[in-house]
Amino acid sequence: MLNVLRRVVGVVVDAVSDVVEIAAEDIMPPPQLGTAALTEHIVGVASRDERMLIVLDIERALSDEDARQLDLAATAHPG
């Protein structure tokens, strides 16, 4: 479960390879890839066991339509 836009939501994904805990001090700024649109939802990157991990801001990754759907679902099924 995730807290997204002040709501607890579940997310369906194709696969999960690992779940890891990353300390804030281990997160480096995201790389500059040319335009902000490409990296606006990336909080940063971290290294773990010789792998590079991308840390996402799930709220920024959601589209405006996704946020609207969350609001509609919460209104239709309060509490």
N, C-alpha and C. Protein backbone atom coordinates (compact mmCIF):
# COMPACT_ATOMS: atom_id res chain seq x y z
N MET A 1 0.84 -1.18 0.00
CA MET A 1 0.00 0.00 0.00
C MET A 1 0.89 1.25 0.00
N LEU A 2 0.37 2.28 -0.65
CA LEU A 2 1.07 3.55 -0.75
C LEU A 2 0.18 4.67 -0.26
N ASN A 3 0.79 5.70 0.30
CA ASN A 3 0.06 6.93 0.60
C ASN A 3 0.28 7.85 -0.58
N VAL A 4 -0.79 8.10 -1.34
CA VAL A 4 -0.70 8.93 -2.53
C VAL A 4 -1.79 9.99 -2.46
N LEU A 5 -1.39 11.23 -2.60
CA LEU A 5 -2.35 12.33 -2.59
C LEU A 5 -3.27 12.24 -1.37
N ARG A 6 -2.68 11.99 -0.22
CA ARG A 6 -3.38 11.90 1.07
C ARG A 6 -4.38 10.75 1.14
N ARG A 7 -4.13 9.70 0.34
CA ARG A 7 -5.00 8.52 0.36
C ARG A 7 -4.13 7.27 0.35
N VAL A 8 -4.62 6.22 0.97
CA VAL A 8 -3.93 4.93 0.91
C VAL A 8 -4.45 4.20 -0.33
N VAL A 9 -3.53 3.80 -1.21
CA VAL A 9 -3.93 3.14 -2.45
C VAL A 9 -3.07 1.91 -2.68
N GLY A 10 -3.59 1.00 -3.47
CA GLY A 10 -2.82 -0.14 -3.92
C GLY A 10 -2.41 0.10 -5.37
N VAL A 11 -1.33 -0.52 -5.78
CA VAL A 11 -0.83 -0.34 -7.14
C VAL A 11 -0.60 -1.71 -7.76
N VAL A 12 -1.08 -1.89 -8.98
CA VAL A 12 -0.85 -3.13 -9.72
C VAL A 12 0.36 -2.92 -10.62
N VAL A 13 1.33 -3.81 -10.54
CA VAL A 13 2.53 -3.72 -11.37
C VAL A 13 2.75 -5.05 -12.07
N ASP A 14 3.55 -5.03 -13.12
CA ASP A 14 3.85 -6.26 -13.85
C ASP A 14 4.74 -7.20 -13.04
N ALA A 15 5.73 -6.64 -12.34
CA ALA A 15 6.66 -7.47 -11.57
C ALA A 15 7.40 -6.61 -10.55
N VAL A 16 7.84 -7.24 -9.49
CA VAL A 16 8.69 -6.61 -8.48
C VAL A 16 9.89 -7.51 -8.31
N SER A 17 11.08 -6.97 -8.52
CA SER A 17 12.27 -7.80 -8.37
C SER A 17 12.82 -7.74 -6.95
N ASP A 18 12.75 -6.57 -6.32
CA ASP A 18 13.25 -6.41 -4.95
C ASP A 18 12.51 -5.27 -4.27
N VAL A 19 12.42 -5.35 -2.98
CA VAL A 19 11.96 -4.24 -2.17
C VAL A 19 13.09 -3.93 -1.21
N VAL A 20 13.60 -2.71 -1.27
CA VAL A 20 14.74 -2.33 -0.44
C VAL A 20 14.45 -1.05 0.31
N GLU A 21 15.11 -0.88 1.43
CA GLU A 21 15.01 0.34 2.20
C GLU A 21 16.26 1.16 1.91
N ILE A 22 16.07 2.42 1.57
CA ILE A 22 17.19 3.29 1.22
C ILE A 22 17.16 4.50 2.15
N ALA A 23 18.28 4.74 2.83
CA ALA A 23 18.38 5.90 3.71
C ALA A 23 18.44 7.17 2.86
N ALA A 24 17.85 8.23 3.35
CA ALA A 24 17.80 9.50 2.61
C ALA A 24 19.19 9.97 2.21
N GLU A 25 20.17 9.77 3.07
CA GLU A 25 21.53 10.24 2.76
C GLU A 25 22.20 9.43 1.65
N ASP A 26 21.61 8.27 1.30
CA ASP A 26 22.16 7.44 0.21
C ASP A 26 21.57 7.78 -1.15
N ILE A 27 20.62 8.71 -1.19
CA ILE A 27 19.98 9.10 -2.44
C ILE A 27 20.71 10.31 -3.03
N MET A 28 21.22 10.14 -4.24
CA MET A 28 21.92 11.21 -4.94
C MET A 28 20.94 11.91 -5.87
N PRO A 29 21.23 13.16 -6.25
CA PRO A 29 20.34 13.88 -7.16
C PRO A 29 20.19 13.12 -8.48
N PRO A 30 19.04 13.30 -9.13
CA PRO A 30 18.83 12.60 -10.42
C PRO A 30 19.78 13.15 -11.48
N PRO A 31 20.11 12.33 -12.46
CA PRO A 31 20.98 12.80 -13.54
C PRO A 31 20.26 13.82 -14.42
N GLN A 32 21.00 14.70 -15.03
CA GLN A 32 20.43 15.66 -15.97
C GLN A 32 20.34 14.98 -17.33
N LEU A 33 19.13 14.77 -17.81
CA LEU A 33 18.93 14.05 -19.06
C LEU A 33 18.45 14.95 -20.19
N GLY A 34 18.63 16.22 -20.07
CA GLY A 34 18.26 17.12 -21.16
C GLY A 34 17.05 17.98 -20.86
N THR A 35 15.93 17.37 -20.50
CA THR A 35 14.73 18.16 -20.20
C THR A 35 14.16 17.73 -18.86
N ALA A 36 13.56 18.67 -18.18
CA ALA A 36 12.95 18.37 -16.88
C ALA A 36 11.81 17.38 -17.01
N ALA A 37 11.15 17.36 -18.16
CA ALA A 37 10.01 16.45 -18.37
C ALA A 37 10.44 15.00 -18.25
N LEU A 38 11.68 14.70 -18.57
CA LEU A 38 12.16 13.32 -18.49
C LEU A 38 12.46 12.89 -17.05
N THR A 39 12.77 13.85 -16.18
CA THR A 39 13.21 13.49 -14.83
C THR A 39 12.35 14.09 -13.72
N GLU A 40 11.25 14.77 -14.06
CA GLU A 40 10.48 15.47 -13.04
C GLU A 40 9.91 14.55 -11.97
N HIS A 41 9.69 13.28 -12.26
CA HIS A 41 9.15 12.34 -11.27
C HIS A 41 10.24 11.51 -10.59
N ILE A 42 11.51 11.79 -10.91
CA ILE A 42 12.62 11.06 -10.29
C ILE A 42 13.16 11.88 -9.13
N VAL A 43 13.12 11.30 -7.92
CA VAL A 43 13.65 11.95 -6.72
C VAL A 43 15.16 11.93 -6.75
N GLY A 44 15.71 10.79 -7.17
CA GLY A 44 17.16 10.64 -7.20
C GLY A 44 17.53 9.23 -7.58
N VAL A 45 18.81 8.92 -7.41
CA VAL A 45 19.31 7.58 -7.69
C VAL A 45 20.13 7.11 -6.50
N ALA A 46 20.20 5.81 -6.34
CA ALA A 46 20.97 5.22 -5.26
C ALA A 46 21.67 3.98 -5.80
N SER A 47 22.74 3.60 -5.16
CA SER A 47 23.49 2.42 -5.57
C SER A 47 23.31 1.34 -4.49
N ARG A 48 23.05 0.12 -4.96
CA ARG A 48 22.89 -1.00 -4.01
C ARG A 48 23.39 -2.26 -4.69
N ASP A 49 24.35 -2.93 -4.07
CA ASP A 49 24.88 -4.19 -4.60
C ASP A 49 25.25 -4.09 -6.08
N GLU A 50 26.01 -3.07 -6.42
CA GLU A 50 26.49 -2.83 -7.77
C GLU A 50 25.38 -2.56 -8.78
N ARG A 51 24.20 -2.16 -8.29
CA ARG A 51 23.08 -1.80 -9.16
C ARG A 51 22.71 -0.35 -8.92
N MET A 52 22.24 0.30 -9.95
CA MET A 52 21.75 1.67 -9.83
C MET A 52 20.24 1.62 -9.70
N LEU A 53 19.71 2.22 -8.66
CA LEU A 53 18.27 2.25 -8.41
C LEU A 53 17.73 3.64 -8.65
N ILE A 54 16.60 3.73 -9.29
CA ILE A 54 15.94 5.01 -9.53
C ILE A 54 14.83 5.16 -8.50
N VAL A 55 14.86 6.26 -7.77
CA VAL A 55 13.87 6.52 -6.73
C VAL A 55 12.83 7.47 -7.30
N LEU A 56 11.57 7.01 -7.36
CA LEU A 56 10.49 7.79 -7.98
C LEU A 56 9.63 8.50 -6.94
N ASP A 57 9.10 9.65 -7.31
CA ASP A 57 8.06 10.32 -6.54
C ASP A 57 6.75 9.87 -7.17
N ILE A 58 6.07 8.94 -6.54
CA ILE A 58 4.89 8.32 -7.14
C ILE A 58 3.79 9.34 -7.44
N GLU A 59 3.67 10.38 -6.61
CA GLU A 59 2.63 11.40 -6.87
C GLU A 59 2.94 12.17 -8.15
N ARG A 60 4.20 12.47 -8.40
CA ARG A 60 4.56 13.16 -9.65
C ARG A 60 4.44 12.24 -10.85
N ALA A 61 4.61 10.93 -10.64
CA ALA A 61 4.53 9.98 -11.75
C ALA A 61 3.09 9.77 -12.21
N LEU A 62 2.13 10.04 -11.33
CA LEU A 62 0.73 9.91 -11.71
C LEU A 62 0.32 11.06 -12.62
N SER A 63 -0.50 10.76 -13.58
CA SER A 63 -1.01 11.81 -14.46
C SER A 63 -2.13 12.56 -13.74
N ASP A 64 -2.52 13.71 -14.29
CA ASP A 64 -3.65 14.45 -13.75
C ASP A 64 -4.92 13.60 -13.77
N GLU A 65 -5.06 12.79 -14.82
CA GLU A 65 -6.22 11.90 -14.91
C GLU A 65 -6.19 10.85 -13.81
N ASP A 66 -5.01 10.32 -13.50
CA ASP A 66 -4.89 9.35 -12.40
C ASP A 66 -5.34 9.99 -11.09
N ALA A 67 -4.89 11.20 -10.83
CA ALA A 67 -5.27 11.91 -9.61
C ALA A 67 -6.77 12.16 -9.57
N ARG A 68 -7.34 12.52 -10.71
CA ARG A 68 -8.78 12.75 -10.78
C ARG A 68 -9.55 11.46 -10.48
N GLN A 69 -9.07 10.35 -11.00
CA GLN A 69 -9.71 9.06 -10.73
C GLN A 69 -9.64 8.69 -9.25
N LEU A 70 -8.51 8.98 -8.61
CA LEU A 70 -8.39 8.74 -7.16
C LEU A 70 -9.41 9.56 -6.39
N ASP A 71 -9.55 10.83 -6.78
CA ASP A 71 -10.54 11.71 -6.12
C ASP A 71 -11.96 11.18 -6.33
N LEU A 72 -12.26 10.74 -7.55
CA LEU A 72 -13.60 10.20 -7.82
C LEU A 72 -13.87 8.93 -7.01
N ALA A 73 -12.88 8.06 -6.92
CA ALA A 73 -13.04 6.81 -6.18
C ALA A 73 -13.24 7.10 -4.69
N ALA A 74 -12.50 8.06 -4.17
CA ALA A 74 -12.64 8.39 -2.75
C ALA A 74 -14.00 9.00 -2.46
N THR A 75 -14.52 9.79 -3.38
CA THR A 75 -15.83 10.39 -3.21
C THR A 75 -16.94 9.34 -3.28
N ALA A 76 -16.78 8.38 -4.18
CA ALA A 76 -17.79 7.34 -4.37
C ALA A 76 -17.80 6.34 -3.22
N HIS A 77 -16.62 6.11 -2.60
CA HIS A 77 -16.48 5.13 -1.53
C HIS A 77 -15.74 5.74 -0.34
N PRO A 78 -16.38 6.69 0.37
CA PRO A 78 -15.70 7.34 1.49
C PRO A 78 -15.40 6.38 2.62
N GLY A 79 -14.24 6.64 3.28
CA GLY A 79 -13.81 5.94 4.48
C GLY A 79 -13.86 4.50 4.40
